[in-house]
Amino acid sequence: GDASALGVVGVALHQIGNQNAFRGARSNLP
């Protein structure tokens, strides 16, 4: 029964990682 909850946590962590990567890429732009 924990599969759904673990999937949601995995997606959330993935999204947080993508947002941080995007912020880092933006800060390097002129």
All heavy atoms as atom14 arrays in JSON, in Angstrom:
{
  "sequence": "GDASALGVVGVALHQIGNQNAFRGARSNLP",
  "atom14_mask": [
    [1, 1, 1, 1, 0, 0, 0, 0, 0, 0, 0, 0, 0, 0],
    [1, 1, 1, 1, 1, 1, 1, 1, 0, 0, 0, 0, 0, 0],
    [1, 1, 1, 1, 1, 0, 0, 0, 0, 0, 0, 0, 0, 0],
    [1, 1, 1, 1, 1, 1, 0, 0, 0, 0, 0, 0, 0, 0],
    [1, 1, 1, 1, 1, 0, 0, 0, 0, 0, 0, 0, 0, 0],
    [1, 1, 1, 1, 1, 1, 1, 1, 0, 0, 0, 0, 0, 0],
    [1, 1, 1, 1, 0, 0, 0, 0, 0, 0, 0, 0, 0, 0],
    [1, 1, 1, 1, 1, 1, 1, 0, 0, 0, 0, 0, 0, 0],
    [1, 1, 1, 1, 1, 1, 1, 0, 0, 0, 0, 0, 0, 0],
    [1, 1, 1, 1, 0, 0, 0, 0, 0, 0, 0, 0, 0, 0],
    [1, 1, 1, 1, 1, 1, 1, 0, 0, 0, 0, 0, 0, 0],
    [1, 1, 1, 1, 1, 0, 0, 0, 0, 0, 0, 0, 0, 0],
    [1, 1, 1, 1, 1, 1, 1, 1, 0, 0, 0, 0, 0, 0],
    [1, 1, 1, 1, 1, 1, 1, 1, 1, 1, 0, 0, 0, 0],
    [1, 1, 1, 1, 1, 1, 1, 1, 1, 0, 0, 0, 0, 0],
    [1, 1, 1, 1, 1, 1, 1, 1, 0, 0, 0, 0, 0, 0],
    [1, 1, 1, 1, 0, 0, 0, 0, 0, 0, 0, 0, 0, 0],
    [1, 1, 1, 1, 1, 1, 1, 1, 0, 0, 0, 0, 0, 0],
    [1, 1, 1, 1, 1, 1, 1, 1, 1, 0, 0, 0, 0, 0],
    [1, 1, 1, 1, 1, 1, 1, 1, 0, 0, 0, 0, 0, 0],
    [1, 1, 1, 1, 1, 0, 0, 0, 0, 0, 0, 0, 0, 0],
    [1, 1, 1, 1, 1, 1, 1, 1, 1, 1, 1, 0, 0, 0],
    [1, 1, 1, 1, 1, 1, 1, 1, 1, 1, 1, 0, 0, 0],
    [1, 1, 1, 1, 0, 0, 0, 0, 0, 0, 0, 0, 0, 0],
    [1, 1, 1, 1, 1, 0, 0, 0, 0, 0, 0, 0, 0, 0],
    [1, 1, 1, 1, 1, 1, 1, 1, 1, 1, 1, 0, 0, 0],
    [1, 1, 1, 1, 1, 1, 0, 0, 0, 0, 0, 0, 0, 0],
    [1, 1, 1, 1, 1, 1, 1, 1, 0, 0, 0, 0, 0, 0],
    [1, 1, 1, 1, 1, 1, 1, 1, 0, 0, 0, 0, 0, 0],
    [1, 1, 1, 1, 1, 1, 1, 0, 0, 0, 0, 0, 0, 0]
  ],
  "atom14_positions": [
    [[0.79, -1.22, 0.0], [0.0, 0.0, 0.0], [0.83, 1.27, 0.0], [0.3, 2.35, -0.24], [0.0, 0.0, 0.0], [0.0, 0.0, 0.0], [0.0, 0.0, 0.0], [0.0, 0.0, 0.0], [0.0, 0.0, 0.0], [0.0, 0.0, 0.0], [0.0, 0.0, 0.0], [0.0, 0.0, 0.0], [0.0, 0.0, 0.0], [0.0, 0.0, 0.0]],
    [[2.13, 1.16, 0.25], [2.99, 2.34, 0.28], [3.49, 2.73, -1.12], [4.14, 3.77, -1.26], [4.2, 2.09, 1.17], [3.82, 1.92, 2.63], [2.75, 2.43, 3.02], [4.57, 1.27, 3.37], [0.0, 0.0, 0.0], [0.0, 0.0, 0.0], [0.0, 0.0, 0.0], [0.0, 0.0, 0.0], [0.0, 0.0, 0.0], [0.0, 0.0, 0.0]],
    [[3.2, 1.95, -2.14], [3.73, 2.21, -3.48], [3.31, 3.58, -4.0], [4.13, 4.32, -4.54], [3.29, 1.11, -4.44], [0.0, 0.0, 0.0], [0.0, 0.0, 0.0], [0.0, 0.0, 0.0], [0.0, 0.0, 0.0], [0.0, 0.0, 0.0], [0.0, 0.0, 0.0], [0.0, 0.0, 0.0], [0.0, 0.0, 0.0], [0.0, 0.0, 0.0]],
    [[2.04, 3.94, -3.84], [1.57, 5.23, -4.34], [2.26, 6.38, -3.63], [2.7, 7.34, -4.26], [0.06, 5.35, -4.15], [-0.6, 4.36, -4.9], [0.0, 0.0, 0.0], [0.0, 0.0, 0.0], [0.0, 0.0, 0.0], [0.0, 0.0, 0.0], [0.0, 0.0, 0.0], [0.0, 0.0, 0.0], [0.0, 0.0, 0.0], [0.0, 0.0, 0.0]],
    [[2.35, 6.29, -2.31], [3.0, 7.36, -1.54], [4.47, 7.5, -1.93], [4.98, 8.61, -2.1], [2.86, 7.1, -0.05], [0.0, 0.0, 0.0], [0.0, 0.0, 0.0], [0.0, 0.0, 0.0], [0.0, 0.0, 0.0], [0.0, 0.0, 0.0], [0.0, 0.0, 0.0], [0.0, 0.0, 0.0], [0.0, 0.0, 0.0], [0.0, 0.0, 0.0]],
    [[5.15, 6.38, -2.1], [6.56, 6.42, -2.49], [6.72, 7.01, -3.89], [7.67, 7.76, -4.16], [7.18, 5.02, -2.42], [7.34, 4.45, -1.02], [7.76, 2.99, -1.09], [8.34, 5.26, -0.22], [0.0, 0.0, 0.0], [0.0, 0.0, 0.0], [0.0, 0.0, 0.0], [0.0, 0.0, 0.0], [0.0, 0.0, 0.0], [0.0, 0.0, 0.0]],
    [[5.79, 6.71, -4.78], [5.83, 7.28, -6.11], [5.65, 8.79, -6.1], [6.36, 9.52, -6.79], [0.0, 0.0, 0.0], [0.0, 0.0, 0.0], [0.0, 0.0, 0.0], [0.0, 0.0, 0.0], [0.0, 0.0, 0.0], [0.0, 0.0, 0.0], [0.0, 0.0, 0.0], [0.0, 0.0, 0.0], [0.0, 0.0, 0.0], [0.0, 0.0, 0.0]],
    [[4.72, 9.27, -5.29], [4.5, 10.71, -5.17], [5.74, 11.4, -4.62], [6.16, 12.46, -5.11], [3.27, 11.0, -4.28], [3.17, 12.47, -3.93], [2.01, 10.53, -4.98], [0.0, 0.0, 0.0], [0.0, 0.0, 0.0], [0.0, 0.0, 0.0], [0.0, 0.0, 0.0], [0.0, 0.0, 0.0], [0.0, 0.0, 0.0], [0.0, 0.0, 0.0]],
    [[6.35, 10.83, -3.6], [7.57, 11.4, -3.03], [8.68, 11.43, -4.08], [9.4, 12.42, -4.22], [8.02, 10.62, -1.78], [9.4, 11.04, -1.33], [7.01, 10.81, -0.66], [0.0, 0.0, 0.0], [0.0, 0.0, 0.0], [0.0, 0.0, 0.0], [0.0, 0.0, 0.0], [0.0, 0.0, 0.0], [0.0, 0.0, 0.0], [0.0, 0.0, 0.0]],
    [[8.81, 10.36, -4.85], [9.83, 10.31, -5.9], [9.63, 11.39, -6.95], [10.58, 12.06, -7.36], [0.0, 0.0, 0.0], [0.0, 0.0, 0.0], [0.0, 0.0, 0.0], [0.0, 0.0, 0.0], [0.0, 0.0, 0.0], [0.0, 0.0, 0.0], [0.0, 0.0, 0.0], [0.0, 0.0, 0.0], [0.0, 0.0, 0.0], [0.0, 0.0, 0.0]],
    [[8.38, 11.59, -7.38], [8.08, 12.64, -8.36], [8.38, 14.02, -7.78], [8.97, 14.87, -8.44], [6.61, 12.54, -8.85], [6.22, 13.77, -9.66], [6.42, 11.28, -9.67], [0.0, 0.0, 0.0], [0.0, 0.0, 0.0], [0.0, 0.0, 0.0], [0.0, 0.0, 0.0], [0.0, 0.0, 0.0], [0.0, 0.0, 0.0], [0.0, 0.0, 0.0]],
    [[7.98, 14.24, -6.52], [8.23, 15.54, -5.88], [9.72, 15.82, -5.79], [10.18, 16.92, -6.11], [7.58, 15.56, -4.5], [0.0, 0.0, 0.0], [0.0, 0.0, 0.0], [0.0, 0.0, 0.0], [0.0, 0.0, 0.0], [0.0, 0.0, 0.0], [0.0, 0.0, 0.0], [0.0, 0.0, 0.0], [0.0, 0.0, 0.0], [0.0, 0.0, 0.0]],
    [[10.5, 14.83, -5.36], [11.95, 15.03, -5.26], [12.57, 15.29, -6.62], [13.48, 16.12, -6.76], [12.61, 13.82, -4.59], [12.3, 13.64, -3.1], [12.86, 12.32, -2.6], [12.84, 14.8, -2.3], [0.0, 0.0, 0.0], [0.0, 0.0, 0.0], [0.0, 0.0, 0.0], [0.0, 0.0, 0.0], [0.0, 0.0, 0.0], [0.0, 0.0, 0.0]],
    [[12.07, 14.61, -7.63], [12.56, 14.82, -9.0], [12.27, 16.25, -9.44], [13.12, 16.91, -10.02], [11.92, 13.8, -9.94], [12.37, 13.93, -11.35], [13.61, 13.51, -11.77], [11.75, 14.44, -12.44], [13.74, 13.75, -13.05], [12.62, 14.32, -13.48], [0.0, 0.0, 0.0], [0.0, 0.0, 0.0], [0.0, 0.0, 0.0], [0.0, 0.0, 0.0]],
    [[11.04, 16.73, -9.17], [10.66, 18.09, -9.56], [11.51, 19.13, -8.82], [11.93, 20.12, -9.4], [9.18, 18.34, -9.29], [8.27, 17.58, -10.23], [8.48, 18.0, -11.68], [8.7, 19.16, -11.99], [8.43, 17.03, -12.57], [0.0, 0.0, 0.0], [0.0, 0.0, 0.0], [0.0, 0.0, 0.0], [0.0, 0.0, 0.0], [0.0, 0.0, 0.0]],
    [[11.76, 18.91, -7.54], [12.58, 19.84, -6.76], [13.99, 19.89, -7.35], [14.56, 20.96, -7.53], [12.62, 19.43, -5.27], [11.25, 19.68, -4.64], [13.71, 20.18, -4.52], [11.09, 19.06, -3.27], [0.0, 0.0, 0.0], [0.0, 0.0, 0.0], [0.0, 0.0, 0.0], [0.0, 0.0, 0.0], [0.0, 0.0, 0.0], [0.0, 0.0, 0.0]],
    [[14.52, 18.73, -7.7], [15.84, 18.68, -8.32], [15.88, 19.41, -9.64], [16.83, 20.14, -9.94], [0.0, 0.0, 0.0], [0.0, 0.0, 0.0], [0.0, 0.0, 0.0], [0.0, 0.0, 0.0], [0.0, 0.0, 0.0], [0.0, 0.0, 0.0], [0.0, 0.0, 0.0], [0.0, 0.0, 0.0], [0.0, 0.0, 0.0], [0.0, 0.0, 0.0]],
    [[14.84, 19.27, -10.46], [14.79, 19.95, -11.75], [14.69, 21.46, -11.57], [15.29, 22.23, -12.31], [13.59, 19.47, -12.57], [13.84, 18.11, -13.18], [14.98, 17.66, -13.26], [12.79, 17.45, -13.62], [0.0, 0.0, 0.0], [0.0, 0.0, 0.0], [0.0, 0.0, 0.0], [0.0, 0.0, 0.0], [0.0, 0.0, 0.0], [0.0, 0.0, 0.0]],
    [[13.92, 21.91, -10.57], [13.79, 23.35, -10.33], [15.11, 23.94, -9.88], [15.5, 25.01, -10.32], [12.7, 23.61, -9.29], [11.32, 23.35, -9.82], [10.26, 23.5, -8.75], [10.56, 23.78, -7.6], [9.02, 23.3, -9.14], [0.0, 0.0, 0.0], [0.0, 0.0, 0.0], [0.0, 0.0, 0.0], [0.0, 0.0, 0.0], [0.0, 0.0, 0.0]],
    [[15.83, 23.22, -9.02], [17.13, 23.71, -8.57], [18.13, 23.76, -9.72], [18.93, 24.68, -9.82], [17.67, 22.86, -7.42], [16.89, 23.07, -6.15], [16.25, 24.09, -5.96], [16.92, 22.08, -5.27], [0.0, 0.0, 0.0], [0.0, 0.0, 0.0], [0.0, 0.0, 0.0], [0.0, 0.0, 0.0], [0.0, 0.0, 0.0], [0.0, 0.0, 0.0]],
    [[18.09, 22.77, -10.59], [18.99, 22.76, -11.74], [18.67, 23.92, -12.67], [19.57, 24.57, -13.2], [18.86, 21.43, -12.49], [0.0, 0.0, 0.0], [0.0, 0.0, 0.0], [0.0, 0.0, 0.0], [0.0, 0.0, 0.0], [0.0, 0.0, 0.0], [0.0, 0.0, 0.0], [0.0, 0.0, 0.0], [0.0, 0.0, 0.0], [0.0, 0.0, 0.0]],
    [[17.38, 24.21, -12.84], [16.96, 25.32, -13.71], [17.43, 26.65, -13.11], [17.93, 27.51, -13.81], [15.45, 25.3, -13.89], [14.94, 26.4, -14.78], [15.21, 26.39, -16.14], [14.21, 27.45, -14.26], [14.76, 27.4, -16.96], [13.74, 28.46, -15.07], [14.02, 28.44, -16.43], [0.0, 0.0, 0.0], [0.0, 0.0, 0.0], [0.0, 0.0, 0.0]],
    [[17.27, 26.82, -11.8], [17.71, 28.06, -11.15], [19.22, 28.24, -11.31], [19.7, 29.32, -11.58], [17.35, 28.04, -9.67], [15.9, 28.27, -9.42], [15.63, 28.42, -7.92], [14.2, 28.39, -7.71], [13.56, 27.52, -6.96], [14.24, 26.62, -6.29], [12.26, 27.55, -6.83], [0.0, 0.0, 0.0], [0.0, 0.0, 0.0], [0.0, 0.0, 0.0]],
    [[19.97, 27.15, -11.16], [21.41, 27.22, -11.32], [21.81, 27.59, -12.75], [22.72, 28.37, -12.97], [0.0, 0.0, 0.0], [0.0, 0.0, 0.0], [0.0, 0.0, 0.0], [0.0, 0.0, 0.0], [0.0, 0.0, 0.0], [0.0, 0.0, 0.0], [0.0, 0.0, 0.0], [0.0, 0.0, 0.0], [0.0, 0.0, 0.0], [0.0, 0.0, 0.0]],
    [[21.09, 27.06, -13.73], [21.38, 27.36, -15.12], [21.06, 28.82, -15.43], [21.79, 29.48, -16.17], [20.59, 26.43, -16.04], [0.0, 0.0, 0.0], [0.0, 0.0, 0.0], [0.0, 0.0, 0.0], [0.0, 0.0, 0.0], [0.0, 0.0, 0.0], [0.0, 0.0, 0.0], [0.0, 0.0, 0.0], [0.0, 0.0, 0.0], [0.0, 0.0, 0.0]],
    [[19.97, 29.34, -14.86], [19.59, 30.74, -15.11], [20.62, 31.7, -14.53], [20.89, 32.74, -15.11], [18.22, 31.03, -14.48], [17.09, 30.77, -15.41], [15.83, 31.42, -14.92], [15.69, 31.31, -13.47], [14.64, 31.71, -12.81], [13.63, 32.25, -13.44], [14.56, 31.58, -11.51], [0.0, 0.0, 0.0], [0.0, 0.0, 0.0], [0.0, 0.0, 0.0]],
    [[21.19, 31.34, -13.38], [22.14, 32.26, -12.75], [23.43, 32.38, -13.55], [24.18, 33.33, -13.4], [22.44, 31.81, -11.33], [23.11, 30.56, -11.34], [0.0, 0.0, 0.0], [0.0, 0.0, 0.0], [0.0, 0.0, 0.0], [0.0, 0.0, 0.0], [0.0, 0.0, 0.0], [0.0, 0.0, 0.0], [0.0, 0.0, 0.0], [0.0, 0.0, 0.0]],
    [[23.68, 31.43, -14.44], [24.91, 31.48, -15.26], [24.72, 32.21, -16.57], [25.67, 32.41, -17.31], [25.39, 30.04, -15.57], [25.85, 29.33, -14.31], [26.31, 29.97, -13.36], [25.72, 28.02, -14.29], [0.0, 0.0, 0.0], [0.0, 0.0, 0.0], [0.0, 0.0, 0.0], [0.0, 0.0, 0.0], [0.0, 0.0, 0.0], [0.0, 0.0, 0.0]],
    [[23.49, 32.64, -16.87], [23.22, 33.35, -18.12], [23.64, 34.81, -18.0], [23.51, 35.42, -16.93], [21.72, 33.27, -18.47], [21.19, 31.89, -18.78], [19.67, 31.96, -19.0], [21.87, 31.31, -20.0], [0.0, 0.0, 0.0], [0.0, 0.0, 0.0], [0.0, 0.0, 0.0], [0.0, 0.0, 0.0], [0.0, 0.0, 0.0], [0.0, 0.0, 0.0]],
    [[24.11, 35.4, -19.09], [24.48, 36.83, -19.04], [23.21, 37.69, -18.89], [22.13, 37.27, -19.3], [25.18, 37.09, -20.37], [24.74, 35.98, -21.26], [24.39, 34.81, -20.36], [0.0, 0.0, 0.0], [0.0, 0.0, 0.0], [0.0, 0.0, 0.0], [0.0, 0.0, 0.0], [0.0, 0.0, 0.0], [0.0, 0.0, 0.0], [0.0, 0.0, 0.0]]
  ]
}
